[in-house]
Protein backbone atom coordinates (compact mmCIF):
# COMPACT_ATOMS: atom_id res chain seq x y z
CA MET A 1 -30.49 -11.11 12.19
CA THR A 2 -30.86 -9.33 15.55
CA GLN A 3 -27.31 -8.15 16.10
CA LYS A 4 -25.52 -5.35 14.34
CA LEU A 5 -22.12 -6.57 15.35
CA ILE A 6 -19.10 -6.98 13.13
CA HIS A 7 -15.66 -8.54 14.05
CA ILE A 8 -12.52 -7.16 12.41
CA ILE A 9 -9.16 -8.97 12.89
CA GLY A 10 -6.21 -6.75 12.18
CA GLY A 11 -5.65 -3.05 13.13
CA GLY A 12 -3.64 -2.13 10.03
CA LEU A 13 -4.75 0.16 7.22
CA ALA A 14 -7.49 -2.05 5.81
CA GLY A 15 -8.82 -3.06 9.28
CA CYS A 16 -8.97 0.51 10.59
CA GLU A 17 -10.76 1.80 7.49
CA ALA A 18 -13.21 -1.07 7.60
CA ALA A 19 -13.91 -0.48 11.34
CA TRP A 20 -14.52 3.23 10.63
CA GLN A 21 -16.88 2.51 7.77
CA ALA A 22 -18.91 -0.05 9.51
CA ALA A 23 -19.16 2.02 12.69
CA GLU A 24 -20.18 5.19 10.75
CA LEU A 25 -22.94 3.21 9.19
CA GLY A 26 -24.33 2.30 12.56
CA CYS A 27 -22.82 -1.08 13.37
CA THR A 28 -21.02 -2.07 16.52
CA VAL A 29 -17.40 -3.10 15.74
CA LYS A 30 -14.96 -5.29 17.74
CA LEU A 31 -11.55 -4.57 16.31
CA PHE A 32 -8.93 -7.10 17.30
CA GLU A 33 -5.30 -6.07 17.10
CA MET A 34 -2.43 -8.24 18.36
CA LYS A 35 -0.09 -5.37 19.22
CA PRO A 36 1.33 -4.69 21.77
CA GLU A 37 1.00 -8.23 22.96
CA LYS A 38 2.87 -9.53 19.90
CA TYR A 39 4.60 -7.81 16.93
CA SER A 40 5.24 -9.01 13.37
CA PRO A 41 8.85 -8.97 12.15
CA ALA A 42 8.27 -5.70 10.32
CA HIS A 43 6.38 -3.70 12.98
CA SER A 44 7.66 -1.85 16.01
CA SER A 45 5.02 0.78 17.08
CA ASP A 46 2.11 0.19 19.37
CA ALA A 47 -0.06 2.36 17.09
CA LEU A 48 -2.73 1.23 14.65
CA ALA A 49 -2.23 1.67 10.95
CA GLU A 50 1.59 1.46 11.14
CA LEU A 51 3.26 2.16 7.80
CA VAL A 52 6.25 0.00 7.20
CA CYS A 53 7.70 -0.19 3.64
CA SER A 54 7.39 3.50 2.74
CA ASN A 55 5.75 6.78 3.78
CA SER A 56 4.42 7.46 0.31
CA LEU A 57 0.90 6.95 -0.89
CA ARG A 58 2.21 7.62 -4.41
CA SER A 59 0.91 10.04 -7.05
CA ASN A 60 -1.77 12.53 -6.02
CA ALA A 61 -2.56 13.43 -9.63
CA LYS A 62 -6.20 12.61 -10.31
CA THR A 63 -5.26 11.59 -13.90
CA SER A 64 -3.12 8.81 -12.55
CA ALA A 65 -4.64 5.56 -11.58
CA VAL A 66 -3.59 5.73 -7.85
CA GLY A 67 -4.46 9.35 -7.64
CA LEU A 68 -7.82 8.63 -9.07
CA LEU A 69 -8.32 5.88 -6.49
CA LYS A 70 -7.47 8.28 -3.65
CA GLU A 71 -9.97 10.81 -5.05
CA GLU A 72 -12.75 8.18 -5.27
CA MET A 73 -11.98 7.26 -1.66
CA ARG A 74 -12.04 10.87 -0.53
CA LEU A 75 -15.48 11.37 -2.20
CA SER A 76 -16.68 8.14 -0.52
CA GLY A 77 -15.68 9.26 2.98
CA ALA A 78 -12.49 7.31 3.56
CA LEU A 79 -11.01 8.13 6.88
CA LEU A 80 -7.42 7.16 6.28
CA VAL A 81 -7.12 9.22 3.07
CA ARG A 82 -8.45 12.25 5.01
CA ILE A 83 -5.84 11.64 7.71
CA ALA A 84 -3.11 11.24 5.16
CA ASP A 85 -3.96 14.61 3.62
CA GLU A 86 -3.81 16.11 7.13
CA THR A 87 -0.44 14.60 7.96
CA ALA A 88 1.18 15.13 4.58
CA VAL A 89 4.81 16.01 4.09
CA PRO A 90 6.24 17.58 0.97
CA ALA A 91 6.78 15.01 -1.78
CA GLY A 92 6.29 16.77 -5.14
CA GLN A 93 3.23 15.38 -6.88
CA ALA A 94 3.02 12.44 -4.47
CA LEU A 95 1.10 12.09 -1.25
CA ALA A 96 3.62 11.18 1.55
CA VAL A 97 2.87 11.31 5.24
CA ASN A 98 4.60 11.66 8.52
CA ARG A 99 4.38 8.01 9.62
CA GLU A 100 4.24 8.69 13.37
CA HIS A 101 1.63 11.49 13.03
CA PHE A 102 -0.48 9.40 10.62
CA ALA A 103 -0.55 6.35 12.88
CA ALA A 104 -1.15 8.41 15.97
CA LYS A 105 -4.09 10.19 14.53
CA VAL A 106 -5.65 7.00 13.20
CA THR A 107 -5.25 5.31 16.59
CA GLU A 108 -6.76 8.37 18.40
CA ILE A 109 -9.81 8.49 16.13
CA ILE A 110 -10.44 4.71 16.07
CA SER A 111 -9.99 4.31 19.86
CA ALA A 112 -12.40 7.18 20.59
CA HIS A 113 -15.24 6.00 18.34
CA PRO A 114 -18.18 5.10 20.46
CA ARG A 115 -19.11 2.03 18.34
CA ILE A 116 -15.65 0.58 18.01
CA GLU A 117 -14.22 -1.60 20.79
CA LEU A 118 -10.46 -2.12 20.41
CA ILE A 119 -9.36 -5.42 21.81
CA HIS A 120 -5.60 -6.21 21.99
CA GLY A 121 -4.50 -9.81 21.68
CA GLU A 122 -3.59 -12.19 18.88
CA GLN A 123 -6.38 -14.08 17.12
CA VAL A 124 -5.07 -17.39 15.80
CA GLU A 125 -8.26 -18.96 14.40
CA LEU A 126 -10.95 -17.76 11.99
CA LYS A 127 -14.21 -18.58 13.71
CA ARG A 128 -17.36 -18.82 11.67
CA ASN A 129 -20.68 -17.28 12.94
CA PRO A 130 -23.49 -16.73 10.43
CA ASP A 131 -24.84 -13.99 12.72
CA ILE A 132 -21.66 -12.00 13.09
CA PRO A 133 -19.69 -11.17 9.84
CA THR A 134 -15.89 -11.11 10.32
CA ILE A 135 -13.49 -9.07 8.18
CA LEU A 136 -10.00 -10.65 8.07
CA ALA A 137 -7.52 -7.80 7.51
CA THR A 138 -4.29 -9.30 8.91
CA GLY A 139 -2.21 -8.11 6.04
CA PRO A 140 0.91 -9.55 4.26
CA LEU A 141 2.36 -10.75 7.63
CA THR A 142 -0.62 -12.89 8.62
CA SER A 143 0.62 -15.26 11.18
CA SER A 144 1.09 -18.97 10.19
CA ALA A 145 -1.65 -20.04 12.59
CA MET A 146 -4.24 -17.60 11.07
CA ALA A 147 -3.07 -18.39 7.53
CA GLU A 148 -3.52 -22.09 8.19
CA SER A 149 -6.91 -21.49 9.62
CA LEU A 150 -7.85 -19.59 6.48
CA ALA A 151 -6.37 -22.32 4.25
CA GLN A 152 -8.43 -24.95 6.12
CA LEU A 153 -11.56 -22.92 5.61
CA THR A 154 -11.03 -22.28 1.93
CA GLY A 155 -9.36 -25.58 1.02
CA LYS A 156 -6.88 -23.60 -0.93
CA GLU A 157 -3.04 -23.31 -0.53
CA ARG A 158 -2.22 -19.76 0.46
CA LEU A 159 0.20 -17.92 -1.80
CA ALA A 160 3.26 -15.94 -0.55
CA PHE A 161 5.49 -13.32 -2.07
CA TYR A 162 8.35 -11.54 -0.38
CA ASP A 163 8.42 -7.74 -0.11
CA ALA A 164 11.46 -5.68 0.93
CA ILE A 165 11.71 -2.39 2.88
CA ALA A 166 13.86 0.61 1.97
CA PRO A 167 16.29 2.23 4.42
CA ILE A 168 15.88 5.63 6.06
CA VAL A 169 18.77 8.13 6.69
CA SER A 170 19.13 11.30 8.78
CA TYR A 171 19.31 14.53 6.90
CA GLU A 172 22.09 16.02 8.97
CA SER A 173 24.42 13.18 7.93
CA LEU A 174 24.02 13.99 4.14
CA ASP A 175 26.58 15.99 2.15
CA MET A 176 24.46 18.80 0.61
CA GLU A 177 27.61 19.96 -1.20
CA ILE A 178 26.96 17.00 -3.54
CA ILE A 179 23.21 16.32 -3.07
CA TYR A 180 20.72 18.77 -4.55
CA SER A 181 16.96 19.37 -4.22
CA LYS A 182 14.85 18.83 -7.32
CA SER A 183 11.59 17.13 -8.28
CA ARG A 184 11.66 15.41 -11.71
CA TRP A 185 11.24 17.97 -14.55
CA GLN A 186 10.35 20.85 -12.22
CA ASP A 187 12.44 23.99 -12.32
CA GLY A 188 14.11 25.13 -9.14
CA PRO A 189 14.37 23.29 -5.81
CA GLY A 190 11.91 20.44 -5.42
CA ASP A 191 10.75 18.06 -2.69
CA TYR A 192 13.23 15.31 -3.39
CA LEU A 193 16.98 15.16 -2.62
CA ASN A 194 19.03 13.80 -5.50
CA CYS A 195 22.42 11.97 -5.22
CA PRO A 196 24.14 12.28 -8.70
CA PHE A 197 26.26 9.51 -10.10
CA THR A 198 28.97 9.64 -12.85
CA LYS A 199 29.16 6.59 -15.02
CA GLU A 200 32.23 5.34 -13.12
CA GLN A 201 30.50 5.81 -9.77
CA TYR A 202 27.44 4.04 -11.04
CA LEU A 203 29.38 1.03 -12.41
CA ALA A 204 31.30 0.63 -9.13
CA PHE A 205 28.05 0.91 -7.18
CA ILE A 206 26.11 -1.75 -9.04
CA ASP A 207 29.22 -4.03 -8.99
CA ALA A 208 29.24 -3.76 -5.21
CA LEU A 209 25.51 -4.31 -5.14
CA GLY A 210 25.68 -7.43 -7.17
CA LYS A 211 28.40 -8.88 -4.90
CA GLY A 212 26.77 -7.88 -1.56
CA LYS A 213 25.71 -10.45 0.94
CA THR A 214 21.94 -10.85 1.29
CA VAL A 215 19.79 -12.30 4.09
CA PRO A 216 18.90 -15.84 2.89
CA LEU A 217 15.40 -17.18 2.87
CA LYS A 218 14.62 -20.10 5.01
CA GLU A 219 14.94 -23.64 3.53
CA PHE A 220 11.14 -23.98 3.23
CA GLU A 221 10.73 -20.49 1.66
CA GLU A 222 10.51 -19.97 -2.08
CA GLU A 223 12.17 -16.88 -3.54
CA LYS A 224 9.22 -15.20 -5.17
CA TYR A 225 8.94 -11.41 -5.32
CA PHE A 226 6.24 -9.02 -6.34
CA GLU A 227 7.39 -7.15 -9.44
CA GLY A 228 6.30 -3.80 -8.02
CA CYS A 229 8.48 -4.10 -4.93
CA LEU A 230 11.71 -5.74 -6.06
CA PRO A 231 14.86 -5.56 -4.02
CA VAL A 232 17.51 -3.35 -5.64
CA GLU A 233 19.91 -6.20 -5.83
CA VAL A 234 17.48 -8.32 -7.76
CA MET A 235 16.92 -5.45 -10.23
CA GLN A 236 20.65 -5.13 -10.52
CA SER A 237 20.98 -8.76 -11.53
CA ARG A 238 18.69 -8.26 -14.51
CA GLY A 239 21.28 -6.13 -16.33
CA GLU A 240 23.67 -3.18 -16.09
CA ASP A 241 21.07 -0.48 -16.97
CA THR A 242 18.07 -1.93 -15.21
CA LEU A 243 18.52 0.50 -12.19
CA ARG A 244 19.17 3.47 -14.50
CA TYR A 245 15.80 2.87 -16.15
CA GLY A 246 14.20 2.16 -12.78
CA PRO A 247 14.67 3.84 -9.40
CA MET A 248 18.00 5.47 -10.46
CA LYS A 249 16.47 7.08 -13.53
CA PRO A 250 18.33 10.51 -14.02
CA VAL A 251 15.90 11.94 -16.64
CA GLY A 252 14.55 15.34 -15.61
CA LEU A 253 16.90 15.67 -12.64
CA ARG A 254 19.40 18.12 -14.07
CA ASP A 255 22.13 19.02 -11.51
CA PRO A 256 22.10 22.79 -10.98
CA LYS A 257 25.77 22.67 -9.95
CA THR A 258 26.92 21.21 -13.33
CA GLY A 259 23.89 22.03 -15.62
CA ARG A 260 23.90 18.47 -16.82
CA ASP A 261 21.85 15.33 -16.13
CA PRO A 262 23.69 12.78 -14.01
CA TYR A 263 24.47 9.42 -15.42
CA ALA A 264 22.14 7.94 -12.67
CA ALA A 265 20.60 9.32 -9.45
CA VAL A 266 19.29 8.04 -6.15
CA GLN A 267 16.34 10.02 -4.91
CA LEU A 268 15.60 10.65 -1.24
CA ARG A 269 12.12 11.47 0.02
CA MET A 270 11.19 13.32 3.14
CA GLU A 271 9.97 11.11 5.95
CA ASN A 272 8.60 13.76 8.26
CA ARG A 273 7.48 17.36 8.01
CA GLU A 274 10.51 18.60 9.83
CA GLY A 275 12.74 17.05 7.13
CA SER A 276 15.05 15.42 9.62
CA THR A 277 14.85 11.96 8.06
CA TYR A 278 14.66 10.69 4.38
CA ASN A 279 14.09 7.34 2.78
CA LEU A 280 15.86 5.94 -0.27
CA VAL A 281 13.18 5.96 -2.99
CA GLY A 282 12.76 2.45 -4.63
CA PHE A 283 15.65 1.00 -2.66
CA GLN A 284 13.97 -1.97 -1.08
CA THR A 285 16.63 -4.45 -0.11
CA LYS A 286 17.41 -7.79 1.47
CA LEU A 287 21.14 -6.98 1.89
CA THR A 288 22.51 -7.76 5.29
CA TYR A 289 22.76 -4.75 7.65
CA PRO A 290 26.59 -4.41 7.45
CA GLU A 291 26.39 -4.56 3.62
CA GLN A 292 23.65 -1.95 3.46
CA GLU A 293 25.88 0.49 5.43
CA ARG A 294 28.96 -0.30 3.32
CA ILE A 295 27.26 -0.27 -0.14
CA PHE A 296 24.81 2.49 0.33
CA ARG A 297 27.55 4.81 1.62
CA MET A 298 28.99 4.52 -1.88
CA ILE A 299 26.04 6.71 -2.99
CA PRO A 300 27.38 10.27 -3.70
CA GLY A 301 26.59 12.53 -0.72
CA MET A 302 25.90 9.56 1.54
CA GLU A 303 29.50 8.72 2.47
CA ASN A 304 28.76 9.47 6.16
CA ALA A 305 25.14 8.56 6.16
CA ASP A 306 23.49 7.76 9.55
CA PHE A 307 20.91 5.10 9.01
CA VAL A 308 17.90 5.60 11.05
CA ARG A 309 16.43 2.37 9.76
CA LEU A 310 17.93 -0.31 7.63
CA GLY A 311 16.04 -2.21 4.90
CA SER A 312 14.71 -5.67 5.49
CA ILE A 313 12.58 -8.39 3.79
CA HIS A 314 9.19 -9.66 4.81
CA ARG A 315 6.55 -12.04 3.63
CA ASN A 316 3.44 -11.00 1.71
CA THR A 317 0.62 -13.45 2.13
CA PHE A 318 -2.53 -13.33 -0.04
CA VAL A 319 -5.20 -15.59 -1.43
CA CYS A 320 -6.06 -16.55 -4.99
CA ALA A 321 -8.90 -14.17 -5.04
CA PRO A 322 -10.56 -15.19 -8.35
CA ASP A 323 -11.08 -18.68 -6.86
CA LEU A 324 -12.29 -17.59 -3.44
CA LEU A 325 -13.88 -14.16 -3.44
CA ASN A 326 -17.01 -12.65 -4.85
CA GLN A 327 -17.46 -8.93 -5.75
CA SER A 328 -18.38 -8.04 -2.19
CA LEU A 329 -15.02 -9.44 -0.93
CA GLN A 330 -16.93 -12.33 0.84
CA LEU A 331 -15.61 -15.85 0.58
CA LYS A 332 -17.80 -17.73 -1.88
CA ASP A 333 -18.10 -20.75 0.36
CA ALA A 334 -18.20 -18.79 3.67
CA PRO A 335 -20.08 -15.46 3.02
CA GLU A 336 -19.91 -14.39 6.65
CA ILE A 337 -16.10 -13.95 6.14
CA TYR A 338 -14.83 -10.94 4.24
CA LEU A 339 -11.21 -10.39 3.26
CA ALA A 340 -9.66 -6.95 3.22
CA GLY A 341 -6.22 -5.37 2.44
CA GLN A 342 -3.34 -7.12 0.88
CA LEU A 343 -4.53 -10.50 2.06
CA SER A 344 -7.36 -10.10 -0.58
CA GLY A 345 -4.85 -9.85 -3.39
CA VAL A 346 -4.21 -6.14 -3.91
CA GLU A 347 -0.80 -4.52 -3.59
CA GLY A 348 -0.04 -1.16 -1.92
CA TYR A 349 -1.06 0.97 1.00
CA VAL A 350 -3.89 2.88 -0.94
CA GLU A 351 -5.22 -0.34 -2.47
CA SER A 352 -5.28 -1.92 1.03
CA MET A 353 -7.23 0.99 2.42
CA ALA A 354 -9.66 0.82 -0.56
CA MET A 355 -10.41 -2.93 0.02
CA GLY A 356 -10.78 -2.13 3.80
CA MET A 357 -13.27 0.59 2.98
CA LEU A 358 -15.32 -1.64 0.66
CA ALA A 359 -15.28 -4.63 3.08
CA GLY A 360 -16.47 -2.37 5.95
CA ILE A 361 -19.24 -0.95 3.87
CA ASN A 362 -20.32 -4.30 2.48
CA ALA A 363 -20.29 -6.11 5.82
CA ALA A 364 -22.28 -3.28 7.45
CA ARG A 365 -24.82 -3.20 4.69
CA SER A 366 -25.23 -6.96 5.07
CA VAL A 367 -25.87 -6.64 8.83
CA LEU A 368 -28.30 -3.82 8.35
CA GLY A 369 -30.24 -5.82 5.69
CA ARG A 370 -29.31 -3.60 2.84
CA ALA A 371 -28.24 -4.64 -0.64
CA ILE A 372 -24.50 -4.82 -1.44
CA ILE A 373 -23.75 -2.87 -4.55
CA PRO A 374 -20.22 -3.29 -5.93
CA PRO A 375 -18.55 -0.17 -7.42
CA PRO A 376 -18.77 0.00 -11.21
CA PRO A 377 -15.62 -1.22 -13.15
CA GLN A 378 -15.20 2.25 -14.73
CA THR A 379 -13.96 3.38 -11.27
CA ALA A 380 -10.60 2.60 -9.84
CA LEU A 381 -12.39 0.88 -6.89
CA GLY A 382 -14.38 -1.23 -9.36
CA ALA A 383 -11.35 -2.03 -11.45
CA LEU A 384 -9.59 -3.43 -8.41
CA ILE A 385 -12.53 -5.65 -7.64
CA PHE A 386 -12.74 -6.84 -11.23
CA HIS A 387 -9.09 -7.75 -11.03
CA LEU A 388 -9.70 -9.73 -7.84
CA THR A 389 -12.71 -11.56 -9.09
CA GLN A 390 -12.31 -11.85 -12.91
CA THR A 391 -8.63 -12.66 -13.47
CA ASP A 392 -7.72 -16.09 -14.63
CA PRO A 393 -6.87 -17.93 -11.37
CA ASP A 394 -3.95 -19.68 -12.95
CA ASN A 395 -2.25 -16.32 -13.68
CA PHE A 396 -3.36 -14.25 -10.69
CA GLN A 397 -0.86 -12.06 -8.91
CA PRO A 398 -1.28 -9.14 -6.54
CA SER A 399 -1.62 -5.86 -8.32
CA ASN A 400 -1.43 -2.17 -7.62
CA VAL A 401 -4.20 -0.15 -9.24
CA ASN A 402 -3.38 0.71 -12.87
CA PHE A 403 -5.23 1.74 -15.95
CA GLY A 404 -4.66 -1.65 -17.48
CA LEU A 405 -7.27 -3.00 -15.06
CA PHE A 406 -9.95 -0.68 -16.33
CA PRO A 407 -12.43 -1.53 -19.12
CA ALA A 408 -11.08 -1.16 -22.66
CA TRP A 409 -11.67 1.94 -24.51
CA GLU A 410 -14.84 1.88 -26.69
CA LYS A 411 -13.32 4.47 -28.92
CA LYS A 412 -9.69 5.32 -29.52
CA VAL A 413 -8.46 8.12 -27.14
CA PRO A 414 -5.17 9.87 -27.65
CA LYS A 415 -2.66 8.85 -25.11
CA LYS A 416 -2.09 12.31 -23.61
CA LEU A 417 -5.85 12.59 -23.03
CA ARG A 418 -6.47 9.27 -21.46
CA GLY A 419 -5.97 10.22 -17.81
CA GLU A 420 -8.37 13.11 -18.02
CA LYS A 421 -10.87 10.88 -19.80
CA ARG A 422 -10.51 8.12 -17.17
CA LEU A 423 -11.12 10.76 -14.50
CA GLU A 424 -14.24 12.08 -16.26
CA ILE A 425 -15.76 8.55 -16.72
CA SER A 426 -14.86 7.53 -13.22
CA MET A 427 -16.37 10.64 -11.56
CA ALA A 428 -19.69 9.99 -13.43
CA ALA A 429 -19.75 6.35 -12.49
CA LEU A 430 -18.84 7.04 -8.90
CA LYS A 431 -21.71 9.52 -8.60
CA LYS A 432 -24.15 7.03 -10.07
CA TRP A 433 -22.87 4.31 -7.53
CA HIS A 434 -23.28 6.73 -4.63
CA ASN A 435 -26.79 7.52 -5.77
CA GLU A 436 -27.67 3.81 -6.01
CA LEU A 437 -26.41 3.33 -2.51
CA LEU A 438 -28.51 6.22 -1.22
CA GLN A 439 -31.61 5.12 -3.10
CA GLU A 440 -31.29 1.57 -1.70
CA ASP A 441 -31.04 3.09 1.85
CA SER A 442 -34.02 5.42 1.40
CA PRO A 443 -37.38 4.24 2.97
CA PRO A 444 -40.09 3.44 0.37
CA PRO A 445 -42.64 6.10 -0.22
CA SER A 446 -45.77 5.76 2.12
């Protein structure tokens, strides 16, 4: 192979991370992004790496699965996690970012990289070239044409779920005589705003939620949601207390004005460092826009809420990874094609970045004639790869990273110590993996 060229289709989280990794390893990258020529239903900015559903990258605690994944990526040189740290906004123990600053910085760095050529324009066909690896990172809103091209290549029906987006409100429109600041369990003011419900208010709210008009799916679309991103009205339909044990859980959110825990609570998380906008945590919805404004203004303290963005529903496209992918994220029957991001079968921002990072590293190593070494299953990175490649295809669904994907314990470990133990095992396995990569890259002794 004479060229050191890689094509990447999609300038989202996975595509940008893949481009950075491949370029940093010495490859020339052509990154194809359809914006601003064309936009998906969920995107509005010209920037790369635009965040849509939420501004949160979830827990930063290294003893949580997603916190561990981010730490592994930091130690592996992930660009987007570094930028997320630099553009973070207060969010308790979570890592949340200023969306505009995050996307702007990613766009600036990717556009300025001497080995990355950013090409604007929609790609509608997945072209095979044994000499030029292609990383497909078109995300959950992969166009029908590209999805059909992938299906023709793999011979497999593509799968589709539907994800929903939460609304955003302006801070100045909130009633802070009712709403109070507190992070769960923490004493004193916290990074979240809390809207407290009495039992009567809660029952009235969920009754209205259950009767609210929703945006219908098309006749050809099947109502199929990812369990980790359910619309609130779908959760409400599962029982009176479902929301109280989910996104409206009041535990640890004692109201300083009353000295009591509310019956239920809606939490608002800061969208930008200035604190001028907040999103409704866990309040993904497919309610119509008028219904969102009417029903969500029943939330205590949000009676006069100004909605900066209303919620919406969008498609999440992914492949049946265990049938199609190997551990390097290459298609088994077309190894010059790599899949990255949510299209590969993971769920979540951080997980998408992680698969982009691995796809970029693996494609570059292939071009450079180096061995591809998958991360060990004891790491969060490896656990995700194991899920994608070893799950029963008949039962495969997208997944966030979680400790259930990790290898079973060889010895019984007390529950309260498991996070620390996972961290310890992962760090040792990650170090060994990094050393293996370095040894493979080192020239043989003369």
